[in-house]
C-alpha atoms as a PDB file:
ATOM      1  CA  MET A   1     115.852 202.813  46.108  1.00  0.00           C
ATOM      2  CA  ARG A   2     113.073 201.679  43.765  1.00  0.00           C
ATOM      3  CA  ILE A   3     110.646 198.822  44.442  1.00  0.00           C
ATOM      4  CA  LYS A   4     112.395 196.558  41.947  1.00  0.00           C
ATOM      5  CA  GLU A   5     115.776 197.197  43.576  1.00  0.00           C
ATOM      6  CA  ALA A   6     114.372 196.714  47.066  1.00  0.00           C
ATOM      7  CA  LEU A   7     112.878 193.351  46.123  1.00  0.00           C
ATOM      8  CA  GLU A   8     116.064 192.137  44.445  1.00  0.00           C
ATOM      9  CA  PHE A   9     118.281 193.289  47.306  1.00  0.00           C
ATOM     10  CA  ALA A  10     116.034 191.824  50.000  1.00  0.00           C
ATOM     11  CA  SER A  11     115.588 188.496  48.236  1.00  0.00           C
ATOM     12  CA  THR A  12     119.346 188.032  47.841  1.00  0.00           C
ATOM     13  CA  TYR A  13     120.065 189.207  51.398  1.00  0.00           C
ATOM     14  CA  LEU A  14     117.527 186.815  52.926  1.00  0.00           C
ATOM     15  CA  ALA A  15     118.557 183.871  50.760  1.00  0.00           C
ATOM     16  CA  GLU A  16     122.149 184.301  51.948  1.00  0.00           C
ATOM     17  CA  ARG A  17     120.905 184.073  55.528  1.00  0.00           C
ATOM     18  CA  GLY A  18     119.033 180.832  55.029  1.00  0.00           C
ATOM     19  CA  LEU A  19     115.441 182.047  54.885  1.00  0.00           C
ATOM     20  CA  ARG A  20     113.222 179.390  53.301  1.00  0.00           C
ATOM     21  CA  LEU A  21     111.158 181.777  51.149  1.00  0.00           C
ATOM     22  CA  PRO A  22     113.330 184.839  50.522  1.00  0.00           C
ATOM     23  CA  GLN A  23     111.343 186.220  47.586  1.00  0.00           C
ATOM     24  CA  GLN A  24     108.055 185.873  49.429  1.00  0.00           C
ATOM     25  CA  ASP A  25     109.555 187.506  52.500  1.00  0.00           C
ATOM     26  CA  ALA A  26     110.936 190.368  50.422  1.00  0.00           C
ATOM     27  CA  GLU A  27     107.500 190.994  48.921  1.00  0.00           C
ATOM     28  CA  ALA A  28     105.901 190.897  52.369  1.00  0.00           C
ATOM     29  CA  LEU A  29     108.325 193.480  53.740  1.00  0.00           C
ATOM     30  CA  VAL A  30     107.775 195.902  50.858  1.00  0.00           C
ATOM     31  CA  THR A  31     103.983 195.537  50.890  1.00  0.00           C
ATOM     32  CA  MET A  32     104.006 196.180  54.664  1.00  0.00           C
ATOM     33  CA  LEU A  33     106.231 199.199  54.191  1.00  0.00           C
ATOM     34  CA  LEU A  34     104.153 200.815  51.460  1.00  0.00           C
ATOM     35  CA  GLN A  35     100.779 199.477  52.643  1.00  0.00           C
ATOM     36  CA  LYS A  36     100.133 198.264  49.120  1.00  0.00           C
ATOM     37  CA  ASN A  37      99.282 194.842  47.758  1.00  0.00           C
ATOM     38  CA  ARG A  38     101.624 192.538  45.865  1.00  0.00           C
ATOM     39  CA  ALA A  39     100.133 193.506  42.502  1.00  0.00           C
ATOM     40  CA  PHE A  40     101.188 197.109  43.092  1.00  0.00           C
ATOM     41  CA  LEU A  41     104.828 196.045  43.509  1.00  0.00           C
ATOM     42  CA  TYR A  42     104.974 194.487  40.064  1.00  0.00           C
ATOM     43  CA  ALA A  43     102.789 197.094  38.379  1.00  0.00           C
ATOM     44  CA  HIS A  44     105.065 199.895  39.638  1.00  0.00           C
ATOM     45  CA  PRO A  45     108.623 198.508  39.821  1.00  0.00           C
ATOM     46  CA  GLU A  46     110.123 202.005  39.376  1.00  0.00           C
ATOM     47  CA  PHE A  47     108.210 203.510  42.318  1.00  0.00           C
ATOM     48  CA  GLU A  48     110.800 205.130  44.572  1.00  0.00           C
ATOM     49  CA  LEU A  49     110.905 204.616  48.317  1.00  0.00           C
ATOM     50  CA  SER A  50     111.222 207.707  50.473  1.00  0.00           C
ATOM     51  CA  ARG A  51     114.315 208.024  52.650  1.00  0.00           C
ATOM     52  CA  THR A  52     112.214 207.294  55.724  1.00  0.00           C
ATOM     53  CA  ASN A  53     110.748 204.184  54.136  1.00  0.00           C
ATOM     54  CA  GLU A  54     114.157 203.054  52.998  1.00  0.00           C
ATOM     55  CA  SER A  55     115.509 203.377  56.543  1.00  0.00           C
ATOM     56  CA  VAL A  56     112.607 201.380  58.005  1.00  0.00           C
ATOM     57  CA  PHE A  57     112.973 198.805  55.238  1.00  0.00           C
ATOM     58  CA  HIS A  58     116.606 198.143  56.168  1.00  0.00           C
ATOM     59  CA  GLN A  59     115.701 197.857  59.860  1.00  0.00           C
ATOM     60  CA  TRP A  60     113.034 195.276  59.087  1.00  0.00           C
ATOM     61  CA  LEU A  61     115.287 193.466  56.652  1.00  0.00           C
ATOM     62  CA  ASN A  62     118.016 193.131  59.265  1.00  0.00           C
ATOM     63  CA  LYS A  63     115.549 191.678  61.752  1.00  0.00           C
ATOM     64  CA  ARG A  64     114.091 189.259  59.199  1.00  0.00           C
ATOM     65  CA  GLY A  65     117.644 188.259  58.290  1.00  0.00           C
ATOM     66  CA  GLU A  66     117.936 187.071  61.892  1.00  0.00           C
ATOM     67  CA  HIS A  67     114.773 184.961  61.291  1.00  0.00           C
ATOM     68  CA  TYR A  68     112.581 187.318  63.312  1.00  0.00           C
ATOM     69  CA  PRO A  69     108.959 186.495  62.369  1.00  0.00           C
ATOM     70  CA  ILE A  70     107.343 188.801  59.823  1.00  0.00           C
ATOM     71  CA  GLN A  71     104.087 188.493  61.762  1.00  0.00           C
ATOM     72  CA  TYR A  72     105.705 190.191  64.761  1.00  0.00           C
ATOM     73  CA  LEU A  73     107.011 192.956  62.521  1.00  0.00           C
ATOM     74  CA  ARG A  74     103.552 193.362  61.022  1.00  0.00           C
ATOM     75  CA  GLY A  75     101.826 193.041  64.381  1.00  0.00           C
ATOM     76  CA  LYS A  76      99.055 190.826  63.057  1.00  0.00           C
ATOM     77  CA  GLN A  77      98.244 187.565  61.320  1.00  0.00           C
ATOM     78  CA  GLU A  78      95.175 186.518  59.368  1.00  0.00           C
ATOM     79  CA  PHE A  79      93.236 183.469  60.539  1.00  0.00           C
ATOM     80  CA  TYR A  80      89.910 182.282  59.139  1.00  0.00           C
ATOM     81  CA  GLY A  81      89.438 185.581  57.335  1.00  0.00           C
ATOM     82  CA  LEU A  82      90.034 187.721  60.439  1.00  0.00           C
ATOM     83  CA  ASP A  83      93.093 189.711  61.480  1.00  0.00           C
ATOM     84  CA  PHE A  84      94.545 188.834  64.874  1.00  0.00           C
ATOM     85  CA  LEU A  85      96.941 190.976  66.846  1.00  0.00           C
ATOM     86  CA  VAL A  86     100.196 189.112  67.577  1.00  0.00           C
ATOM     87  CA  ARG A  87     103.288 190.222  69.456  1.00  0.00           C
ATOM     88  CA  PRO A  88     106.410 188.612  70.920  1.00  0.00           C
ATOM     89  CA  GLY A  89     105.315 186.122  73.558  1.00  0.00           C
ATOM     90  CA  VAL A  90     102.217 185.090  71.592  1.00  0.00           C
ATOM     91  CA  PHE A  91     102.144 181.994  69.391  1.00  0.00           C
ATOM     92  CA  ILE A  92     101.460 182.945  65.765  1.00  0.00           C
ATOM     93  CA  PRO A  93      98.286 181.408  64.233  1.00  0.00           C
ATOM     94  CA  ARG A  94      98.912 178.917  61.428  1.00  0.00           C
ATOM     95  CA  PRO A  95      96.671 178.173  58.432  1.00  0.00           C
ATOM     96  CA  GLU A  96      96.572 174.459  59.291  1.00  0.00           C
ATOM     97  CA  THR A  97      94.879 175.264  62.610  1.00  0.00           C
ATOM     98  CA  GLU A  98      91.828 176.451  60.679  1.00  0.00           C
ATOM     99  CA  LEU A  99      91.054 172.740  60.287  1.00  0.00           C
ATOM    100  CA  LEU A 100      90.397 172.535  64.049  1.00  0.00           C
ATOM    101  CA  VAL A 101      87.794 175.265  63.669  1.00  0.00           C
ATOM    102  CA  ASP A 102      86.145 173.484  60.712  1.00  0.00           C
ATOM    103  CA  VAL A 103      85.987 170.182  62.589  1.00  0.00           C
ATOM    104  CA  SER A 104      84.762 171.787  65.820  1.00  0.00           C
ATOM    105  CA  MET A 105      81.989 173.705  64.071  1.00  0.00           C
ATOM    106  CA  ALA A 106      80.834 170.553  62.274  1.00  0.00           C
ATOM    107  CA  LEU A 107      80.613 168.717  65.606  1.00  0.00           C
ATOM    108  CA  LEU A 108      78.719 171.560  67.266  1.00  0.00           C
ATOM    109  CA  ARG A 109      76.209 171.625  64.410  1.00  0.00           C
ATOM    110  CA  GLN A 110      75.335 168.002  65.244  1.00  0.00           C
ATOM    111  CA  HIS A 111      74.226 169.089  68.736  1.00  0.00           C
ATOM    112  CA  PRO A 112      73.165 172.746  68.638  1.00  0.00           C
ATOM    113  CA  ASP A 113      72.504 173.022  72.374  1.00  0.00           C
ATOM    114  CA  ILE A 114      71.443 176.522  73.336  1.00  0.00           C
ATOM    115  CA  ASN A 115      73.857 176.462  76.268  1.00  0.00           C
ATOM    116  CA  SER A 116      76.766 174.660  74.641  1.00  0.00           C
ATOM    117  CA  CYS A 117      80.092 175.440  76.272  1.00  0.00           C
ATOM    118  CA  VAL A 118      83.520 175.079  74.701  1.00  0.00           C
ATOM    119  CA  ALA A 119      86.982 175.211  76.265  1.00  0.00           C
ATOM    120  CA  ASP A 120      89.961 176.323  74.167  1.00  0.00           C
ATOM    121  CA  VAL A 121      93.151 175.148  75.872  1.00  0.00           C
ATOM    122  CA  GLY A 122      96.298 177.076  74.975  1.00  0.00           C
ATOM    123  CA  THR A 123      94.362 179.892  73.352  1.00  0.00           C
ATOM    124  CA  GLY A 124      97.385 182.017  72.376  1.00  0.00           C
ATOM    125  CA  SER A 125      96.080 184.927  70.308  1.00  0.00           C
ATOM    126  CA  GLY A 126      92.543 183.647  70.878  1.00  0.00           C
ATOM    127  CA  CYS A 127      92.133 182.750  67.214  1.00  0.00           C
ATOM    128  CA  ILE A 128      90.252 179.471  67.790  1.00  0.00           C
ATOM    129  CA  ALA A 129      87.975 180.712  70.584  1.00  0.00           C
ATOM    130  CA  ILE A 130      87.169 183.974  68.823  1.00  0.00           C
ATOM    131  CA  THR A 131      86.482 182.343  65.462  1.00  0.00           C
ATOM    132  CA  LEU A 132      84.146 179.819  67.087  1.00  0.00           C
ATOM    133  CA  ALA A 133      82.375 182.611  68.976  1.00  0.00           C
ATOM    134  CA  ARG A 134      81.956 184.695  65.822  1.00  0.00           C
ATOM    135  CA  HIS A 135      80.370 181.800  63.921  1.00  0.00           C
ATOM    136  CA  ASN A 136      78.283 180.388  66.803  1.00  0.00           C
ATOM    137  CA  PRO A 137      76.377 183.141  68.644  1.00  0.00           C
ATOM    138  CA  ASN A 138      74.915 180.680  71.197  1.00  0.00           C
ATOM    139  CA  LEU A 139      78.293 179.451  72.418  1.00  0.00           C
ATOM    140  CA  THR A 140      79.976 180.428  75.630  1.00  0.00           C
ATOM    141  CA  ILE A 141      83.708 179.758  75.578  1.00  0.00           C
ATOM    142  CA  THR A 142      86.444 179.355  78.149  1.00  0.00           C
ATOM    143  CA  ALA A 143      89.844 180.408  76.793  1.00  0.00           C
ATOM    144  CA  ILE A 144      92.853 179.191  78.776  1.00  0.00           C
ATOM    145  CA  ASP A 145      96.546 179.961  78.499  1.00  0.00           C
ATOM    146  CA  ILE A 146      99.516 179.844  80.839  1.00  0.00           C
ATOM    147  CA  SER A 147     100.883 183.122  79.430  1.00  0.00           C
ATOM    148  CA  PRO A 148      99.589 186.501  80.695  1.00  0.00           C
ATOM    149  CA  THR A 149     100.895 188.124  77.497  1.00  0.00           C
ATOM    150  CA  ALA A 150      98.882 185.723  75.368  1.00  0.00           C
ATOM    151  CA  LEU A 151      95.742 186.242  77.435  1.00  0.00           C
ATOM    152  CA  GLU A 152      95.973 190.025  77.264  1.00  0.00           C
ATOM    153  CA  THR A 153      96.429 189.786  73.501  1.00  0.00           C
ATOM    154  CA  ALA A 154      93.515 187.372  73.183  1.00  0.00           C
ATOM    155  CA  LYS A 155      91.280 189.754  75.147  1.00  0.00           C
ATOM    156  CA  GLN A 156      92.220 192.603  72.818  1.00  0.00           C
ATOM    157  CA  ASN A 157      91.406 190.412  69.824  1.00  0.00           C
ATOM    158  CA  ALA A 158      88.077 189.386  71.348  1.00  0.00           C
ATOM    159  CA  GLU A 159      87.176 193.029  71.878  1.00  0.00           C
ATOM    160  CA  THR A 160      88.177 193.880  68.300  1.00  0.00           C
ATOM    161  CA  HIS A 161      85.953 191.102  66.977  1.00  0.00           C
ATOM    162  CA  SER A 162      82.981 191.931  69.249  1.00  0.00           C
ATOM    163  CA  CYS A 163      82.832 188.729  71.278  1.00  0.00           C
ATOM    164  CA  LEU A 164      84.603 189.664  74.518  1.00  0.00           C
ATOM    165  CA  GLY A 165      81.407 189.198  76.523  1.00  0.00           C
ATOM    166  CA  ARG A 166      81.032 185.529  75.545  1.00  0.00           C
ATOM    167  CA  ILE A 167      84.597 184.409  76.287  1.00  0.00           C
ATOM    168  CA  GLU A 168      85.877 183.784  79.797  1.00  0.00           C
ATOM    169  CA  PHE A 169      89.663 183.973  80.076  1.00  0.00           C
ATOM    170  CA  HIS A 170      91.798 182.032  82.565  1.00  0.00           C
ATOM    171  CA  GLU A 171      95.529 182.042  83.213  1.00  0.00           C
ATOM    172  CA  SER A 172      96.195 178.387  83.876  1.00  0.00           C
ATOM    173  CA  SER A 173      98.294 175.353  83.072  1.00  0.00           C
ATOM    174  CA  MET A 174      96.018 173.283  80.863  1.00  0.00           C
ATOM    175  CA  LEU A 175      92.564 172.787  82.474  1.00  0.00           C
ATOM    176  CA  THR A 176      93.579 173.330  86.099  1.00  0.00           C
ATOM    177  CA  ALA A 177      91.564 176.556  86.423  1.00  0.00           C
ATOM    178  CA  VAL A 178      88.275 174.811  85.561  1.00  0.00           C
ATOM    179  CA  LYS A 179      88.891 171.383  87.136  1.00  0.00           C
ATOM    180  CA  GLU A 180      85.759 171.716  89.317  1.00  0.00           C
ATOM    181  CA  ARG A 181      83.410 172.084  86.334  1.00  0.00           C
ATOM    182  CA  ALA A 182      82.468 168.433  85.906  1.00  0.00           C
ATOM    183  CA  GLY A 183      80.328 167.930  82.821  1.00  0.00           C
ATOM    184  CA  GLY A 184      80.556 171.603  81.985  1.00  0.00           C
ATOM    185  CA  TYR A 185      81.700 171.365  78.373  1.00  0.00           C
ATOM    186  CA  ARG A 186      80.342 169.981  75.138  1.00  0.00           C
ATOM    187  CA  LEU A 187      83.713 170.303  73.449  1.00  0.00           C
ATOM    188  CA  ILE A 188      87.320 170.850  74.471  1.00  0.00           C
ATOM    189  CA  VAL A 189      89.606 171.972  71.662  1.00  0.00           C
ATOM    190  CA  SER A 190      93.336 172.463  71.787  1.00  0.00           C
ATOM    191  CA  ASN A 191      96.293 173.242  69.579  1.00  0.00           C
ATOM    192  CA  PRO A 192      98.781 172.138  72.242  1.00  0.00           C
ATOM    193  CA  PRO A 193     102.562 172.290  72.159  1.00  0.00           C
ATOM    194  CA  TYR A 194     103.602 169.081  70.420  1.00  0.00           C
ATOM    195  CA  VAL A 195     107.276 169.347  69.461  1.00  0.00           C
ATOM    196  CA  GLY A 196     109.652 167.263  71.534  1.00  0.00           C
ATOM    197  CA  LEU A 197     112.762 168.859  72.999  1.00  0.00           C
ATOM    198  CA  GLN A 198     114.638 166.010  71.358  1.00  0.00           C
ATOM    199  CA  ASP A 199     113.682 167.565  67.992  1.00  0.00           C
ATOM    200  CA  LYS A 200     114.444 171.177  68.918  1.00  0.00           C
ATOM    201  CA  ALA A 201     117.398 171.492  66.532  1.00  0.00           C
ATOM    202  CA  GLU A 202     115.128 170.642  63.580  1.00  0.00           C
ATOM    203  CA  VAL A 203     112.609 173.397  64.319  1.00  0.00           C
ATOM    204  CA  GLU A 204     112.642 176.420  62.033  1.00  0.00           C
ATOM    205  CA  PRO A 205     114.845 179.160  63.560  1.00  0.00           C
ATOM    206  CA  SER A 206     112.071 181.767  63.554  1.00  0.00           C
ATOM    207  CA  VAL A 207     109.987 179.466  65.761  1.00  0.00           C
ATOM    208  CA  ARG A 208     112.824 178.140  67.912  1.00  0.00           C
ATOM    209  CA  LYS A 209     114.349 181.548  68.620  1.00  0.00           C
ATOM    210  CA  TYR A 210     111.352 183.867  68.876  1.00  0.00           C
ATOM    211  CA  GLU A 211     108.013 182.159  69.517  1.00  0.00           C
ATOM    212  CA  PRO A 212     107.103 181.218  73.115  1.00  0.00           C
ATOM    213  CA  SER A 213     108.728 177.888  73.927  1.00  0.00           C
ATOM    214  CA  LYS A 214     105.827 176.768  76.143  1.00  0.00           C
ATOM    215  CA  ALA A 215     103.537 176.990  73.097  1.00  0.00           C
ATOM    216  CA  VAL A 216     105.906 174.930  70.942  1.00  0.00           C
ATOM    217  CA  PHE A 217     107.717 172.307  73.037  1.00  0.00           C
ATOM    218  CA  SER A 218     106.147 169.588  75.182  1.00  0.00           C
ATOM    219  CA  GLY A 219     108.645 167.448  77.069  1.00  0.00           C
ATOM    220  CA  GLN A 220     111.299 165.316  75.446  1.00  0.00           C
ATOM    221  CA  SER A 221     108.938 163.409  73.153  1.00  0.00           C
ATOM    222  CA  GLY A 222     106.276 166.051  72.444  1.00  0.00           C
ATOM    223  CA  MET A 223     103.551 163.956  74.101  1.00  0.00           C
ATOM    224  CA  GLU A 224     103.384 165.620  77.520  1.00  0.00           C
ATOM    225  CA  ALA A 225     100.596 168.078  76.685  1.00  0.00           C
ATOM    226  CA  TYR A 226      98.467 165.360  75.065  1.00  0.00           C
ATOM    227  CA  LEU A 227      98.845 163.249  78.215  1.00  0.00           C
ATOM    228  CA  GLN A 228      97.699 166.156  80.389  1.00  0.00           C
ATOM    229  CA  LEU A 229      94.714 166.815  78.139  1.00  0.00           C
ATOM    230  CA  PHE A 230      93.641 163.176  78.228  1.00  0.00           C
ATOM    231  CA  ASP A 231      94.041 163.121  82.017  1.00  0.00           C
ATOM    232  CA  GLN A 232      92.126 166.341  82.662  1.00  0.00           C
ATOM    233  CA  SER A 233      89.386 166.416  80.013  1.00  0.00           C
ATOM    234  CA  GLY A 234      87.323 163.333  80.828  1.00  0.00           C
ATOM    235  CA  GLU A 235      85.422 164.615  83.849  1.00  0.00           C
ATOM    236  CA  LEU A 236      84.885 168.052  82.299  1.00  0.00           C
ATOM    237  CA  LEU A 237      83.025 166.888  79.195  1.00  0.00           C
ATOM    238  CA  LYS A 238      79.311 166.228  79.022  1.00  0.00           C
ATOM    239  CA  PRO A 239      78.413 162.618  78.088  1.00  0.00           C
ATOM    240  CA  GLY A 240      79.253 162.169  74.413  1.00  0.00           C
ATOM    241  CA  GLY A 241      81.408 165.296  74.354  1.00  0.00           C
ATOM    242  CA  TRP A 242      84.522 165.621  72.213  1.00  0.00           C
ATOM    243  CA  LEU A 243      88.171 166.368  72.677  1.00  0.00           C
ATOM    244  CA  VAL A 244      89.517 167.909  69.457  1.00  0.00           C
ATOM    245  CA  LEU A 245      93.302 168.042  69.112  1.00  0.00           C
ATOM    246  CA  GLU A 246      95.750 169.403  66.588  1.00  0.00           C
ATOM    247  CA  LEU A 247      98.485 166.920  65.716  1.00  0.00           C
ATOM    248  CA  GLY A 248     102.123 167.206  64.825  1.00  0.00           C
ATOM    249  CA  VAL A 249     103.538 165.451  61.782  1.00  0.00           C
ATOM    250  CA  ASN A 250     103.379 161.641  62.154  1.00  0.00           C
ATOM    251  CA  SER A 251     101.880 161.883  65.623  1.00  0.00           C
ATOM    252  CA  LEU A 252      98.390 160.422  65.045  1.00  0.00           C
ATOM    253  CA  GLN A 253      99.259 156.838  65.993  1.00  0.00           C
ATOM    254  CA  PRO A 254     101.279 157.778  69.109  1.00  0.00           C
ATOM    255  CA  VAL A 255      98.438 160.031  70.262  1.00  0.00           C
ATOM    256  CA  ILE A 256      95.851 157.288  69.632  1.00  0.00           C
ATOM    257  CA  SER A 257      97.958 154.878  71.704  1.00  0.00           C
ATOM    258  CA  LEU A 258      98.285 157.407  74.496  1.00  0.00           C
ATOM    259  CA  GLY A 259      94.542 158.035  74.428  1.00  0.00           C
ATOM    260  CA  LYS A 260      93.753 154.316  74.705  1.00  0.00           C
ATOM    261  CA  GLN A 261      95.821 154.127  77.883  1.00  0.00           C
ATOM    262  CA  LYS A 262      93.557 156.807  79.352  1.00  0.00           C
ATOM    263  CA  ASN A 263      90.269 155.276  78.077  1.00  0.00           C
ATOM    264  CA  TRP A 264      89.852 157.565  75.073  1.00  0.00           C
ATOM    265  CA  ARG A 265      88.835 156.325  71.657  1.00  0.00           C
ATOM    266  CA  LEU A 266      89.505 157.983  68.285  1.00  0.00           C
ATOM    267  CA  ASN A 267      86.249 159.172  66.738  1.00  0.00           C
ATOM    268  CA  GLN A 268      87.573 160.982  63.637  1.00  0.00           C
ATOM    269  CA  ALA A 269      90.865 161.967  62.046  1.00  0.00           C
ATOM    270  CA  HIS A 270      91.283 164.714  59.441  1.00  0.00           C
ATOM    271  CA  SER A 271      94.152 165.669  57.142  1.00  0.00           C
ATOM    272  CA  ASP A 272      95.140 169.201  56.161  1.00  0.00           C
ATOM    273  CA  LEU A 273      95.576 170.463  52.600  1.00  0.00           C
ATOM    274  CA  ALA A 274      99.104 169.046  52.528  1.00  0.00           C
ATOM    275  CA  GLY A 275      97.759 165.574  53.303  1.00  0.00           C
ATOM    276  CA  ILE A 276      99.162 165.583  56.858  1.00  0.00           C
ATOM    277  CA  GLU A 277      97.002 163.999  59.559  1.00  0.00           C
ATOM    278  CA  ARG A 278      96.464 167.206  61.465  1.00  0.00           C
ATOM    279  CA  CYS A 279      93.333 166.885  63.598  1.00  0.00           C
ATOM    280  CA  ALA A 280      91.942 164.096  65.784  1.00  0.00           C
ATOM    281  CA  VAL A 281      88.601 163.871  67.582  1.00  0.00           C
ATOM    282  CA  PHE A 282      88.411 161.694  70.687  1.00  0.00           C
ATOM    283  CA  GLN A 283      85.575 160.531  72.919  1.00  0.00           C
ATOM    284  CA  ARG A 284      85.818 158.913  76.311  1.00  0.00           C
ATOM    285  CA  TYR A 285      84.849 155.310  76.995  1.00  0.00           C
ATOM    286  CA  SER A 286      82.282 154.854  79.727  1.00  0.00           C
ATOM    287  CA  SER A 287      82.676 152.144  82.348  1.00  0.00           C
ATOM    288  CA  ASP A 288      81.020 149.541  80.104  1.00  0.00           C
ATOM    289  CA  ASN A 289      83.320 150.456  77.152  1.00  0.00           C
ATOM    290  CA  THR A 290      80.615 152.362  75.287  1.00  0.00           C
ATOM    291  CA  PHE A 291      80.181 156.093  74.780  1.00  0.00           C
END
C-alpha cells in the first residue's frame, strides 16, 4: 500500500464511521506510522509502506474507527509548545486550555512575589502546572487530581520538563488535601469537569467513551465542580488572590451567578480564538464587600 492509497482508504473508512475530521485523522495516522511530517505525505504519495507498517496502520485505523483518541495511540499531546505524555485514564490537553495559562501568567506578572504559590486543581497530565512552572522559575505549585493514573503521568511529565522539584502532587477530590493551608496561595487555577450528565449524549464519542468521566462530567447540570471550587478556594487564597476557571460553552453567566451566591465577584472574562467565553477570573468579597 502506498501513502496515497493509505490516505484515501483511511479517509473513506473513517468518514463512514462518523469521524468529524476523517482526512485530518488519516494524515495523523500515516505521519505517526512513518514518523514523517504532513509535507512528506504529499511530496511522496507513491512511497510504499512496509508490510509491518501496513499491519500496524490497519490496527490503528480500526481503533480510530471506534473513535479511540489519536492522542492515546500516539501517547502524547502538544500543549503550549511542549509534548505531554497521555494515556488512557488521563484527560487529553486541549488548545483552548492554553488561554488559562496566558491569563494566569499575566496575573502573576502583576504581583511577582518571590514565594508565590499556585494550586492547579484537576491537573490531569500536569500541562497547566508544568507550563506555569517552566515559565515562572520562582513559583511553587501544588498539583491536585483525584486519579492516581493522572498523577503518575503528571509526575513523569514534570520530570521530563525538569520541574519535578517545584511541583507538589496530591491525590485528592478538589482542594481537600490542602484545606488547612489558609492563605497559602496567590492563585488557584482549574480546568474542572464542566459537562452535565444531562448533556452526555451530545458529547463527542471519543470523549464520552474513552476519556476519564470524572474529568469530563460534573453532576447533572455541569456546575458541581464550580460549586466545590467556590466553596473551598476562599480561605486558601491570599488577600486579593485569584481563582481562574476554564468555562464550558455558554456557561459564563451561570458560573457568575453561582459565584455571587458564594461571595465571589467576576474580575475578568476572556474568550478563546473561536470567540467562546472560555476563561473567568474571580476574586472573593471581603466582609465589607470590597476586595
